[in-house]
N, C-alpha and C. Protein backbone atom coordinates (compact mmCIF):
# COMPACT_ATOMS: atom_id res chain seq x y z
N MET A 1 -6.84 -17.43 26.49
CA MET A 1 -6.88 -16.12 27.12
C MET A 1 -5.54 -15.84 27.78
N GLY A 2 -5.01 -14.64 27.60
CA GLY A 2 -3.72 -14.27 28.17
C GLY A 2 -3.78 -14.14 29.67
N ALA A 3 -2.60 -14.16 30.30
CA ALA A 3 -2.53 -14.08 31.75
C ALA A 3 -3.13 -12.77 32.26
N ALA A 4 -2.86 -11.67 31.57
CA ALA A 4 -3.38 -10.37 32.02
C ALA A 4 -4.91 -10.36 31.97
N SER A 5 -5.48 -10.95 30.91
CA SER A 5 -6.94 -11.00 30.79
C SER A 5 -7.55 -11.86 31.87
N GLN A 6 -6.90 -12.98 32.17
CA GLN A 6 -7.39 -13.87 33.21
C GLN A 6 -7.40 -13.18 34.56
N ILE A 7 -6.32 -12.44 34.85
CA ILE A 7 -6.23 -11.73 36.13
C ILE A 7 -7.32 -10.68 36.22
N ARG A 8 -7.48 -9.92 35.12
CA ARG A 8 -8.49 -8.86 35.13
C ARG A 8 -9.89 -9.44 35.31
N THR A 9 -10.19 -10.52 34.59
CA THR A 9 -11.51 -11.13 34.68
C THR A 9 -11.78 -11.64 36.09
N SER A 10 -10.79 -12.32 36.66
CA SER A 10 -10.92 -12.86 38.02
C SER A 10 -11.16 -11.76 39.04
N LEU A 11 -10.37 -10.69 38.94
CA LEU A 11 -10.51 -9.58 39.88
C LEU A 11 -11.85 -8.88 39.71
N TYR A 12 -12.25 -8.69 38.45
CA TYR A 12 -13.50 -7.98 38.17
C TYR A 12 -14.70 -8.77 38.70
N ILE A 13 -14.71 -10.09 38.49
CA ILE A 13 -15.81 -10.92 38.98
C ILE A 13 -15.86 -10.90 40.49
N LYS A 14 -14.68 -11.00 41.12
CA LYS A 14 -14.63 -10.99 42.58
C LYS A 14 -15.16 -9.68 43.14
N MET A 15 -14.73 -8.55 42.55
CA MET A 15 -15.18 -7.24 43.03
C MET A 15 -16.67 -7.06 42.78
N ALA A 16 -17.13 -7.52 41.64
CA ALA A 16 -18.55 -7.38 41.30
C ALA A 16 -19.42 -8.17 42.27
N ASN A 17 -18.97 -9.38 42.62
CA ASN A 17 -19.72 -10.20 43.56
C ASN A 17 -19.79 -9.56 44.94
N VAL A 18 -18.67 -9.02 45.38
CA VAL A 18 -18.62 -8.37 46.68
C VAL A 18 -19.52 -7.14 46.69
N GLU A 19 -19.44 -6.33 45.63
CA GLU A 19 -20.24 -5.12 45.57
C GLU A 19 -21.73 -5.44 45.53
N ALA A 20 -22.10 -6.49 44.79
CA ALA A 20 -23.51 -6.87 44.70
C ALA A 20 -24.05 -7.26 46.07
N ALA A 21 -23.21 -7.95 46.85
CA ALA A 21 -23.62 -8.37 48.20
C ALA A 21 -23.78 -7.15 49.10
N PHE A 22 -22.84 -6.20 48.99
CA PHE A 22 -22.88 -5.00 49.82
C PHE A 22 -24.07 -4.11 49.49
N ARG A 23 -24.52 -4.16 48.23
CA ARG A 23 -25.53 -3.23 47.76
C ARG A 23 -26.79 -3.26 48.63
N ASN A 24 -27.23 -4.45 49.01
CA ASN A 24 -28.42 -4.58 49.82
C ASN A 24 -28.11 -4.87 51.28
N LEU A 25 -27.05 -5.62 51.51
CA LEU A 25 -26.71 -6.05 52.86
C LEU A 25 -26.45 -4.87 53.79
N HIS A 26 -25.88 -3.80 53.26
CA HIS A 26 -25.51 -2.67 54.09
C HIS A 26 -26.37 -1.43 53.86
N GLN A 27 -27.56 -1.63 53.30
CA GLN A 27 -28.43 -0.48 53.05
C GLN A 27 -28.81 0.22 54.34
N ASP A 28 -29.00 -0.54 55.41
CA ASP A 28 -29.39 0.07 56.68
C ASP A 28 -28.27 0.98 57.21
N ILE A 29 -27.01 0.57 56.98
CA ILE A 29 -25.88 1.39 57.41
C ILE A 29 -25.83 2.67 56.58
N LEU A 30 -26.07 2.54 55.28
CA LEU A 30 -26.07 3.72 54.41
C LEU A 30 -27.19 4.68 54.80
N ASP A 31 -28.32 4.14 55.18
CA ASP A 31 -29.42 4.99 55.63
C ASP A 31 -29.00 5.77 56.87
N GLY A 32 -28.22 5.11 57.73
CA GLY A 32 -27.72 5.79 58.92
C GLY A 32 -26.77 6.91 58.56
N CYS A 33 -25.93 6.67 57.55
CA CYS A 33 -25.00 7.70 57.10
C CYS A 33 -25.74 8.92 56.57
N LYS A 34 -26.87 8.69 55.94
CA LYS A 34 -27.64 9.79 55.35
C LYS A 34 -28.22 10.72 56.40
N VAL A 35 -28.36 10.22 57.63
CA VAL A 35 -28.88 11.08 58.71
C VAL A 35 -27.74 11.51 59.64
N GLY A 36 -26.50 11.29 59.21
CA GLY A 36 -25.36 11.75 59.98
C GLY A 36 -24.96 10.89 61.15
N ASP A 37 -25.38 9.63 61.15
CA ASP A 37 -25.03 8.71 62.23
C ASP A 37 -23.54 8.38 62.15
N GLN A 38 -22.75 8.83 63.11
CA GLN A 38 -21.30 8.63 63.08
C GLN A 38 -20.92 7.16 63.23
N LYS A 39 -21.72 6.40 63.96
CA LYS A 39 -21.45 4.97 64.09
C LYS A 39 -21.60 4.28 62.74
N ALA A 40 -22.63 4.66 62.00
CA ALA A 40 -22.85 4.09 60.67
C ALA A 40 -21.73 4.50 59.73
N GLN A 41 -21.28 5.75 59.83
CA GLN A 41 -20.19 6.22 59.00
C GLN A 41 -18.91 5.42 59.26
N PHE A 42 -18.66 5.13 60.54
CA PHE A 42 -17.46 4.37 60.89
C PHE A 42 -17.56 2.94 60.37
N GLN A 43 -18.76 2.38 60.39
CA GLN A 43 -18.96 1.02 59.86
C GLN A 43 -18.67 0.98 58.36
N ILE A 44 -19.16 1.99 57.64
CA ILE A 44 -18.90 2.07 56.20
C ILE A 44 -17.41 2.25 55.95
N TYR A 45 -16.80 3.08 56.76
CA TYR A 45 -15.36 3.31 56.63
C TYR A 45 -14.59 1.99 56.78
N LYS A 46 -14.93 1.22 57.79
CA LYS A 46 -14.24 -0.05 58.02
C LYS A 46 -14.44 -1.02 56.86
N LEU A 47 -15.60 -0.96 56.23
CA LEU A 47 -15.90 -1.87 55.12
C LEU A 47 -15.10 -1.53 53.86
N TYR A 48 -14.85 -0.23 53.64
CA TYR A 48 -14.30 0.19 52.36
C TYR A 48 -12.92 0.83 52.39
N TYR A 49 -12.41 1.17 53.58
CA TYR A 49 -11.19 1.98 53.60
C TYR A 49 -10.00 1.30 52.92
N LYS A 50 -9.83 0.01 53.12
CA LYS A 50 -8.66 -0.67 52.55
C LYS A 50 -8.72 -0.68 51.02
N ALA A 51 -9.89 -1.01 50.48
CA ALA A 51 -10.04 -1.05 49.02
C ALA A 51 -9.85 0.34 48.42
N MET A 52 -10.37 1.37 49.09
CA MET A 52 -10.24 2.73 48.57
C MET A 52 -8.80 3.22 48.66
N TYR A 53 -8.11 2.85 49.73
CA TYR A 53 -6.70 3.20 49.85
C TYR A 53 -5.91 2.56 48.71
N ASN A 54 -6.16 1.28 48.46
CA ASN A 54 -5.44 0.57 47.40
C ASN A 54 -5.70 1.20 46.03
N THR A 55 -6.94 1.59 45.79
CA THR A 55 -7.28 2.23 44.52
C THR A 55 -6.48 3.53 44.35
N SER A 56 -6.46 4.35 45.39
CA SER A 56 -5.73 5.61 45.31
C SER A 56 -4.23 5.37 45.17
N HIS A 57 -3.71 4.42 45.91
CA HIS A 57 -2.27 4.16 45.88
C HIS A 57 -1.83 3.70 44.50
N ARG A 58 -2.67 2.92 43.82
CA ARG A 58 -2.31 2.45 42.49
C ARG A 58 -2.21 3.62 41.50
N ILE A 59 -2.88 4.71 41.79
CA ILE A 59 -2.82 5.88 40.91
C ILE A 59 -1.71 6.84 41.30
N VAL A 60 -1.64 7.21 42.58
CA VAL A 60 -0.65 8.22 43.00
C VAL A 60 0.69 7.61 43.36
N ASN A 61 0.69 6.31 43.69
CA ASN A 61 1.93 5.59 43.99
C ASN A 61 2.71 6.24 45.14
N ASP A 62 1.99 6.70 46.14
CA ASP A 62 2.61 7.32 47.31
C ASP A 62 1.75 6.98 48.53
N THR A 63 2.36 6.35 49.53
CA THR A 63 1.62 5.85 50.69
C THR A 63 0.88 6.94 51.45
N MET A 64 1.59 8.00 51.82
CA MET A 64 0.98 9.06 52.63
C MET A 64 -0.08 9.82 51.84
N GLU A 65 0.20 10.07 50.56
CA GLU A 65 -0.76 10.79 49.73
C GLU A 65 -2.03 9.97 49.52
N ALA A 66 -1.86 8.67 49.32
CA ALA A 66 -3.03 7.79 49.14
C ALA A 66 -3.87 7.75 50.42
N GLU A 67 -3.21 7.74 51.56
CA GLU A 67 -3.92 7.75 52.84
C GLU A 67 -4.74 9.03 52.98
N ASP A 68 -4.13 10.17 52.66
CA ASP A 68 -4.83 11.45 52.75
C ASP A 68 -6.03 11.50 51.81
N ILE A 69 -5.81 11.04 50.58
CA ILE A 69 -6.88 11.05 49.58
C ILE A 69 -8.04 10.16 50.01
N MET A 70 -7.69 9.00 50.55
CA MET A 70 -8.72 8.08 51.02
C MET A 70 -9.57 8.73 52.11
N GLN A 71 -8.91 9.36 53.09
CA GLN A 71 -9.64 10.01 54.18
C GLN A 71 -10.52 11.15 53.65
N GLU A 72 -9.95 11.97 52.78
CA GLU A 72 -10.69 13.10 52.21
C GLU A 72 -11.89 12.63 51.39
N SER A 73 -11.72 11.51 50.71
CA SER A 73 -12.79 10.98 49.88
C SER A 73 -13.97 10.52 50.73
N PHE A 74 -13.68 9.90 51.86
CA PHE A 74 -14.77 9.50 52.76
C PHE A 74 -15.51 10.71 53.29
N LEU A 75 -14.77 11.75 53.68
CA LEU A 75 -15.40 12.96 54.19
C LEU A 75 -16.30 13.58 53.12
N ALA A 76 -15.78 13.63 51.89
CA ALA A 76 -16.56 14.19 50.78
C ALA A 76 -17.82 13.34 50.51
N ALA A 77 -17.65 12.01 50.57
CA ALA A 77 -18.78 11.11 50.32
C ALA A 77 -19.87 11.29 51.38
N PHE A 78 -19.47 11.41 52.64
CA PHE A 78 -20.45 11.58 53.71
C PHE A 78 -21.16 12.94 53.60
N GLU A 79 -20.42 13.95 53.13
CA GLU A 79 -21.01 15.28 52.99
C GLU A 79 -22.07 15.34 51.89
N LYS A 80 -21.85 14.53 50.83
CA LYS A 80 -22.81 14.58 49.72
C LYS A 80 -23.51 13.24 49.50
N ILE A 81 -23.67 12.48 50.57
CA ILE A 81 -24.26 11.14 50.43
C ILE A 81 -25.71 11.20 49.97
N GLU A 82 -26.37 12.35 50.16
CA GLU A 82 -27.74 12.49 49.68
C GLU A 82 -27.82 12.39 48.16
N THR A 83 -26.69 12.64 47.49
CA THR A 83 -26.68 12.56 46.02
C THR A 83 -26.49 11.12 45.53
N TYR A 84 -26.21 10.21 46.46
CA TYR A 84 -26.05 8.80 46.07
C TYR A 84 -27.43 8.21 45.82
N SER A 85 -27.69 7.87 44.56
CA SER A 85 -29.03 7.43 44.16
C SER A 85 -29.27 5.93 44.33
N GLY A 86 -28.21 5.15 44.46
CA GLY A 86 -28.37 3.71 44.60
C GLY A 86 -28.45 2.99 43.28
N THR A 87 -28.27 3.69 42.16
CA THR A 87 -28.31 3.04 40.84
C THR A 87 -27.04 2.22 40.59
N VAL A 88 -25.99 2.53 41.32
CA VAL A 88 -24.78 1.70 41.31
C VAL A 88 -24.47 1.36 42.76
N SER A 89 -23.58 0.42 42.98
CA SER A 89 -23.23 0.07 44.35
C SER A 89 -22.54 1.25 45.02
N PHE A 90 -22.63 1.32 46.33
CA PHE A 90 -21.99 2.41 47.06
C PHE A 90 -20.48 2.38 46.84
N GLY A 91 -19.91 1.18 46.78
CA GLY A 91 -18.47 1.04 46.57
C GLY A 91 -18.04 1.65 45.24
N ALA A 92 -18.84 1.44 44.19
CA ALA A 92 -18.51 1.99 42.88
C ALA A 92 -18.62 3.51 42.91
N TRP A 93 -19.63 4.02 43.60
CA TRP A 93 -19.81 5.47 43.72
C TRP A 93 -18.66 6.11 44.49
N LEU A 94 -18.28 5.48 45.59
CA LEU A 94 -17.17 5.98 46.41
C LEU A 94 -15.85 5.89 45.64
N LYS A 95 -15.67 4.80 44.92
CA LYS A 95 -14.43 4.62 44.15
C LYS A 95 -14.24 5.73 43.12
N LYS A 96 -15.33 6.18 42.51
CA LYS A 96 -15.25 7.26 41.52
C LYS A 96 -14.72 8.53 42.17
N ILE A 97 -15.16 8.79 43.40
CA ILE A 97 -14.68 9.96 44.14
C ILE A 97 -13.18 9.81 44.41
N VAL A 98 -12.78 8.62 44.85
CA VAL A 98 -11.37 8.37 45.15
C VAL A 98 -10.50 8.54 43.90
N ILE A 99 -10.96 7.99 42.79
CA ILE A 99 -10.20 8.08 41.54
C ILE A 99 -10.07 9.53 41.09
N ASN A 100 -11.16 10.28 41.13
CA ASN A 100 -11.11 11.68 40.70
C ASN A 100 -10.15 12.49 41.57
N ARG A 101 -10.18 12.27 42.88
CA ARG A 101 -9.29 12.99 43.78
C ARG A 101 -7.83 12.56 43.57
N SER A 102 -7.63 11.30 43.27
CA SER A 102 -6.28 10.80 43.02
C SER A 102 -5.72 11.42 41.73
N LEU A 103 -6.56 11.52 40.71
CA LEU A 103 -6.14 12.13 39.46
C LEU A 103 -5.86 13.62 39.64
N ASP A 104 -6.65 14.27 40.49
CA ASP A 104 -6.39 15.68 40.80
C ASP A 104 -5.02 15.84 41.45
N ALA A 105 -4.69 14.90 42.33
CA ALA A 105 -3.40 14.95 43.01
C ALA A 105 -2.26 14.77 42.01
N LEU A 106 -2.45 13.87 41.05
CA LEU A 106 -1.44 13.70 40.01
C LEU A 106 -1.29 14.97 39.17
N GLY A 107 -2.42 15.63 38.94
CA GLY A 107 -2.39 16.85 38.14
C GLY A 107 -1.52 17.92 38.77
N LYS A 108 -1.50 17.97 40.08
CA LYS A 108 -0.69 18.96 40.79
C LYS A 108 0.81 18.69 40.62
N ARG A 109 1.15 17.46 40.25
CA ARG A 109 2.55 17.15 39.99
C ARG A 109 2.97 17.57 38.58
N LYS A 110 1.98 17.95 37.78
CA LYS A 110 2.21 18.39 36.40
C LYS A 110 2.85 17.29 35.53
N VAL A 111 2.50 16.03 35.84
CA VAL A 111 3.02 14.94 35.02
C VAL A 111 1.88 14.02 34.56
N VAL A 112 0.65 14.50 34.66
CA VAL A 112 -0.49 13.64 34.38
C VAL A 112 -0.51 13.16 32.94
N PHE A 113 -0.46 11.85 32.78
CA PHE A 113 -0.62 11.20 31.48
C PHE A 113 0.37 11.65 30.43
N GLU A 114 1.52 12.10 30.88
CA GLU A 114 2.55 12.53 29.94
C GLU A 114 2.89 11.39 28.98
N ASP A 115 3.02 10.19 29.51
CA ASP A 115 3.38 9.05 28.68
C ASP A 115 2.23 8.65 27.76
N ILE A 116 1.00 8.79 28.25
CA ILE A 116 -0.15 8.46 27.41
C ILE A 116 -0.24 9.42 26.24
N GLU A 117 -0.24 10.71 26.53
CA GLU A 117 -0.47 11.69 25.48
C GLU A 117 0.66 11.74 24.45
N SER A 118 1.85 11.31 24.84
CA SER A 118 2.97 11.36 23.89
C SER A 118 2.87 10.30 22.82
N HIS A 119 1.90 9.38 22.94
CA HIS A 119 1.75 8.30 21.95
C HIS A 119 0.35 8.27 21.36
N VAL A 120 -0.28 9.42 21.28
CA VAL A 120 -1.68 9.47 20.84
C VAL A 120 -1.88 8.87 19.46
N GLY A 121 -0.91 8.98 18.58
CA GLY A 121 -1.09 8.52 17.21
C GLY A 121 -0.91 7.03 16.99
N ILE A 122 -0.57 6.31 18.02
CA ILE A 122 -0.29 4.87 17.86
C ILE A 122 -1.59 4.09 17.78
N ARG A 123 -1.67 3.18 16.84
CA ARG A 123 -2.87 2.36 16.69
C ARG A 123 -2.60 0.97 17.24
N ASP A 124 -3.65 0.35 17.75
CA ASP A 124 -3.56 -1.04 18.17
C ASP A 124 -4.14 -1.89 17.05
N ASP A 125 -3.28 -2.54 16.29
CA ASP A 125 -3.73 -3.28 15.11
C ASP A 125 -4.16 -4.72 15.41
N SER A 126 -4.05 -5.13 16.66
CA SER A 126 -4.42 -6.51 16.99
C SER A 126 -5.93 -6.67 16.89
N PRO A 127 -6.43 -7.80 16.34
CA PRO A 127 -7.86 -8.00 16.20
C PRO A 127 -8.57 -8.17 17.53
N ASP A 128 -7.84 -8.53 18.54
CA ASP A 128 -8.42 -8.74 19.86
C ASP A 128 -7.40 -8.32 20.90
N GLU A 129 -7.88 -7.69 21.97
CA GLU A 129 -6.95 -7.20 22.98
C GLU A 129 -6.12 -8.31 23.59
N SER A 130 -6.72 -9.49 23.71
CA SER A 130 -6.00 -10.59 24.35
C SER A 130 -4.83 -11.06 23.49
N ALA A 131 -4.81 -10.67 22.21
CA ALA A 131 -3.73 -11.11 21.32
C ALA A 131 -2.38 -10.57 21.76
N ARG A 132 -2.38 -9.44 22.49
CA ARG A 132 -1.14 -8.85 22.94
C ARG A 132 -0.72 -9.36 24.33
N ASN A 133 -1.60 -10.13 24.95
CA ASN A 133 -1.27 -10.64 26.28
C ASN A 133 -0.34 -11.85 26.18
N GLU A 134 0.66 -11.91 27.04
CA GLU A 134 1.58 -13.03 27.07
C GLU A 134 1.11 -14.04 28.11
N GLU A 135 1.33 -15.32 27.83
CA GLU A 135 1.01 -16.35 28.80
C GLU A 135 2.16 -16.43 29.79
N LEU A 136 2.04 -15.71 30.89
CA LEU A 136 3.09 -15.67 31.89
C LEU A 136 2.62 -16.34 33.18
N ASP A 137 3.52 -17.10 33.79
CA ASP A 137 3.20 -17.75 35.05
C ASP A 137 3.46 -16.74 36.17
N ILE A 138 2.47 -15.86 36.42
CA ILE A 138 2.64 -14.79 37.38
C ILE A 138 1.48 -14.74 38.35
N LYS A 139 1.70 -14.11 39.47
CA LYS A 139 0.67 -13.94 40.47
C LYS A 139 0.15 -12.51 40.43
N VAL A 140 -1.06 -12.31 40.96
CA VAL A 140 -1.66 -10.99 40.96
C VAL A 140 -0.76 -9.97 41.65
N GLU A 141 -0.16 -10.36 42.78
CA GLU A 141 0.69 -9.43 43.52
C GLU A 141 1.90 -9.01 42.70
N GLU A 142 2.43 -9.93 41.90
CA GLU A 142 3.58 -9.60 41.06
C GLU A 142 3.19 -8.57 40.01
N VAL A 143 1.96 -8.71 39.49
CA VAL A 143 1.47 -7.75 38.50
C VAL A 143 1.33 -6.38 39.14
N LYS A 144 0.75 -6.33 40.34
CA LYS A 144 0.56 -5.05 41.03
C LYS A 144 1.90 -4.37 41.30
N GLU A 145 2.88 -5.16 41.74
CA GLU A 145 4.20 -4.60 42.03
C GLU A 145 4.86 -4.05 40.77
N ALA A 146 4.69 -4.78 39.67
CA ALA A 146 5.27 -4.33 38.40
C ALA A 146 4.58 -3.05 37.91
N ILE A 147 3.26 -2.97 38.09
CA ILE A 147 2.53 -1.77 37.68
C ILE A 147 3.01 -0.56 38.46
N ASP A 148 3.29 -0.76 39.75
CA ASP A 148 3.77 0.35 40.59
C ASP A 148 5.07 0.97 40.08
N LYS A 149 5.85 0.20 39.34
CA LYS A 149 7.14 0.67 38.85
C LYS A 149 7.04 1.43 37.53
N LEU A 150 5.86 1.42 36.92
CA LEU A 150 5.69 2.06 35.61
C LEU A 150 5.53 3.57 35.74
N PRO A 151 5.80 4.32 34.67
CA PRO A 151 5.55 5.77 34.67
C PRO A 151 4.07 6.05 34.93
N ASP A 152 3.78 7.26 35.40
CA ASP A 152 2.41 7.60 35.81
C ASP A 152 1.36 7.26 34.76
N GLY A 153 1.59 7.66 33.51
CA GLY A 153 0.60 7.45 32.46
C GLY A 153 0.25 5.98 32.27
N TYR A 154 1.27 5.16 32.17
CA TYR A 154 1.05 3.72 32.00
C TYR A 154 0.40 3.12 33.24
N ARG A 155 0.90 3.52 34.41
CA ARG A 155 0.38 2.94 35.66
C ARG A 155 -1.11 3.22 35.84
N VAL A 156 -1.51 4.45 35.55
CA VAL A 156 -2.91 4.83 35.75
C VAL A 156 -3.83 4.06 34.82
N ILE A 157 -3.49 4.00 33.54
CA ILE A 157 -4.40 3.35 32.59
C ILE A 157 -4.46 1.84 32.82
N LEU A 158 -3.34 1.24 33.20
CA LEU A 158 -3.35 -0.19 33.52
C LEU A 158 -4.15 -0.47 34.78
N SER A 159 -4.00 0.37 35.77
CA SER A 159 -4.73 0.18 37.02
C SER A 159 -6.23 0.30 36.80
N LEU A 160 -6.64 1.30 36.03
CA LEU A 160 -8.07 1.49 35.77
C LEU A 160 -8.66 0.31 34.99
N TYR A 161 -7.90 -0.17 34.01
CA TYR A 161 -8.42 -1.26 33.16
C TYR A 161 -8.26 -2.63 33.81
N LEU A 162 -7.04 -2.92 34.24
CA LEU A 162 -6.72 -4.28 34.69
C LEU A 162 -7.20 -4.56 36.11
N LEU A 163 -7.06 -3.57 37.01
CA LEU A 163 -7.34 -3.81 38.42
C LEU A 163 -8.68 -3.25 38.88
N GLU A 164 -9.11 -2.14 38.29
CA GLU A 164 -10.38 -1.54 38.71
C GLU A 164 -11.56 -1.99 37.86
N GLY A 165 -11.29 -2.60 36.70
CA GLY A 165 -12.36 -3.17 35.90
C GLY A 165 -13.12 -2.21 35.00
N TYR A 166 -12.55 -1.02 34.75
CA TYR A 166 -13.22 -0.07 33.85
C TYR A 166 -12.98 -0.46 32.40
N ASP A 167 -13.97 -0.20 31.54
CA ASP A 167 -13.77 -0.45 30.11
C ASP A 167 -13.22 0.83 29.46
N HIS A 168 -12.95 0.77 28.15
CA HIS A 168 -12.29 1.89 27.48
C HIS A 168 -13.14 3.15 27.43
N ASP A 169 -14.44 2.99 27.27
CA ASP A 169 -15.31 4.16 27.26
C ASP A 169 -15.28 4.86 28.62
N GLU A 170 -15.30 4.07 29.68
CA GLU A 170 -15.26 4.64 31.03
C GLU A 170 -13.92 5.32 31.29
N ILE A 171 -12.84 4.66 30.86
CA ILE A 171 -11.50 5.24 31.05
C ILE A 171 -11.39 6.54 30.26
N ALA A 172 -11.93 6.55 29.06
CA ALA A 172 -11.88 7.76 28.23
C ALA A 172 -12.58 8.91 28.94
N GLU A 173 -13.71 8.62 29.57
CA GLU A 173 -14.45 9.66 30.29
C GLU A 173 -13.66 10.14 31.50
N ILE A 174 -13.07 9.21 32.25
CA ILE A 174 -12.31 9.56 33.45
C ILE A 174 -11.08 10.39 33.12
N LEU A 175 -10.34 9.97 32.09
CA LEU A 175 -9.09 10.62 31.75
C LEU A 175 -9.24 11.75 30.74
N LYS A 176 -10.48 11.92 30.25
CA LYS A 176 -10.76 12.96 29.25
C LYS A 176 -9.91 12.77 27.99
N ILE A 177 -9.89 11.53 27.50
CA ILE A 177 -9.23 11.18 26.26
C ILE A 177 -10.23 10.40 25.42
N SER A 178 -9.88 10.06 24.19
CA SER A 178 -10.78 9.26 23.36
C SER A 178 -10.63 7.79 23.71
N SER A 179 -11.64 7.00 23.40
CA SER A 179 -11.58 5.57 23.69
C SER A 179 -10.50 4.90 22.84
N SER A 180 -10.27 5.42 21.62
CA SER A 180 -9.22 4.84 20.77
C SER A 180 -7.84 5.11 21.38
N THR A 181 -7.68 6.30 21.98
CA THR A 181 -6.42 6.59 22.66
C THR A 181 -6.24 5.67 23.84
N SER A 182 -7.32 5.41 24.56
CA SER A 182 -7.26 4.50 25.70
C SER A 182 -6.80 3.12 25.25
N ARG A 183 -7.35 2.63 24.14
CA ARG A 183 -6.96 1.31 23.63
C ARG A 183 -5.49 1.28 23.21
N SER A 184 -5.07 2.31 22.52
CA SER A 184 -3.68 2.35 22.06
C SER A 184 -2.71 2.40 23.23
N GLN A 185 -3.03 3.23 24.22
CA GLN A 185 -2.13 3.37 25.35
C GLN A 185 -2.14 2.16 26.26
N LEU A 186 -3.28 1.46 26.32
CA LEU A 186 -3.30 0.22 27.08
C LEU A 186 -2.37 -0.79 26.45
N SER A 187 -2.39 -0.85 25.11
CA SER A 187 -1.51 -1.77 24.39
C SER A 187 -0.04 -1.47 24.71
N ARG A 188 0.33 -0.18 24.66
CA ARG A 188 1.69 0.22 24.99
C ARG A 188 2.03 -0.11 26.44
N ALA A 189 1.07 0.18 27.32
CA ALA A 189 1.30 -0.04 28.75
C ALA A 189 1.48 -1.53 29.05
N LYS A 190 0.70 -2.37 28.35
CA LYS A 190 0.84 -3.82 28.57
C LYS A 190 2.21 -4.32 28.12
N GLN A 191 2.70 -3.77 27.01
CA GLN A 191 4.03 -4.15 26.55
C GLN A 191 5.08 -3.77 27.60
N LYS A 192 4.93 -2.58 28.15
CA LYS A 192 5.86 -2.12 29.18
C LYS A 192 5.75 -2.98 30.43
N LEU A 193 4.54 -3.36 30.79
CA LEU A 193 4.32 -4.20 31.96
C LEU A 193 4.95 -5.57 31.77
N ILE A 194 4.75 -6.15 30.59
CA ILE A 194 5.34 -7.46 30.31
C ILE A 194 6.86 -7.39 30.39
N GLY A 195 7.41 -6.30 29.87
CA GLY A 195 8.86 -6.11 29.97
C GLY A 195 9.31 -6.04 31.41
N GLU A 196 8.53 -5.35 32.23
CA GLU A 196 8.87 -5.23 33.65
C GLU A 196 8.80 -6.59 34.33
N LEU A 197 7.77 -7.35 33.99
CA LEU A 197 7.59 -8.68 34.59
C LEU A 197 8.71 -9.63 34.18
N LYS A 198 9.22 -9.45 32.98
CA LYS A 198 10.30 -10.31 32.50
C LYS A 198 11.67 -9.77 32.88
N GLY A 199 11.68 -8.63 33.58
CA GLY A 199 12.95 -8.07 34.01
C GLY A 199 13.75 -7.46 32.90
N ASN A 200 13.02 -7.03 31.83
CA ASN A 200 13.72 -6.45 30.69
C ASN A 200 12.96 -5.20 30.27
N GLU A 201 13.44 -4.02 30.61
CA GLU A 201 12.76 -2.77 30.31
C GLU A 201 12.53 -2.56 28.82
N ASN A 202 13.41 -3.10 28.02
CA ASN A 202 13.34 -2.82 26.59
C ASN A 202 12.54 -3.85 25.80
N TYR A 203 11.82 -4.72 26.54
CA TYR A 203 11.04 -5.75 25.84
C TYR A 203 10.07 -5.11 24.86
C-alpha cells in the first residue's frame, strides 16, 4: 500500500472511531442544543470547532476566511438542528455544512475547480488507485503542508479524498462532477502532490 493510501486509511479510521464515540456519548448535549440551550451549544462548539476549522482551511486556504466559515457553519447548524436526523454522526452532518460553505466561498473567487475541469478528458488507466501512490517516508503534517501549496482544484479534491475520507461518488456529488472525473483529477492531484513533496514541481 502506498504512503498516501496508508495516511488516508489511518486518518479515516481515527476519525470514524472518534465520530462513533461522539454519536451516543454526546446525545444529551445535542438534545440540549435542540431546545436552544446555549451551554449545550458551547459544549458542542468546543468539541468540534478545531476539526471544522481545519476542514474549512484545507479548502479555502485562508486563516481568517476559514475562521469566519467555521463560525457561520455552527450558527447555521444550531438554527436548523431540528433537521439533524441522527442517521449519521453529528460531526459528519456539521462537516457537510462546513464543506458546502467553504466551496461557496471559493466560488466567489471565481476560481473553483479550474484545474480540475481543465483536465476532464484525462483517464486514470491504473488498475488500482494505490498503483499511483509512491512509497515516501513522509509524515501526515508534511502531506497537509504540501496540499496547502497546490492550486485550488487539486487542493480541494485531495483534501476531500485523502484527509476527509470521502469516496469518489461522494466527491462527485459535493463538487457536482462525475465520479470518473473525480478519479482522473485525484490521479493528477496526487502526481502534483508527490512532486511537491519531492521538491520538484515538474515531477
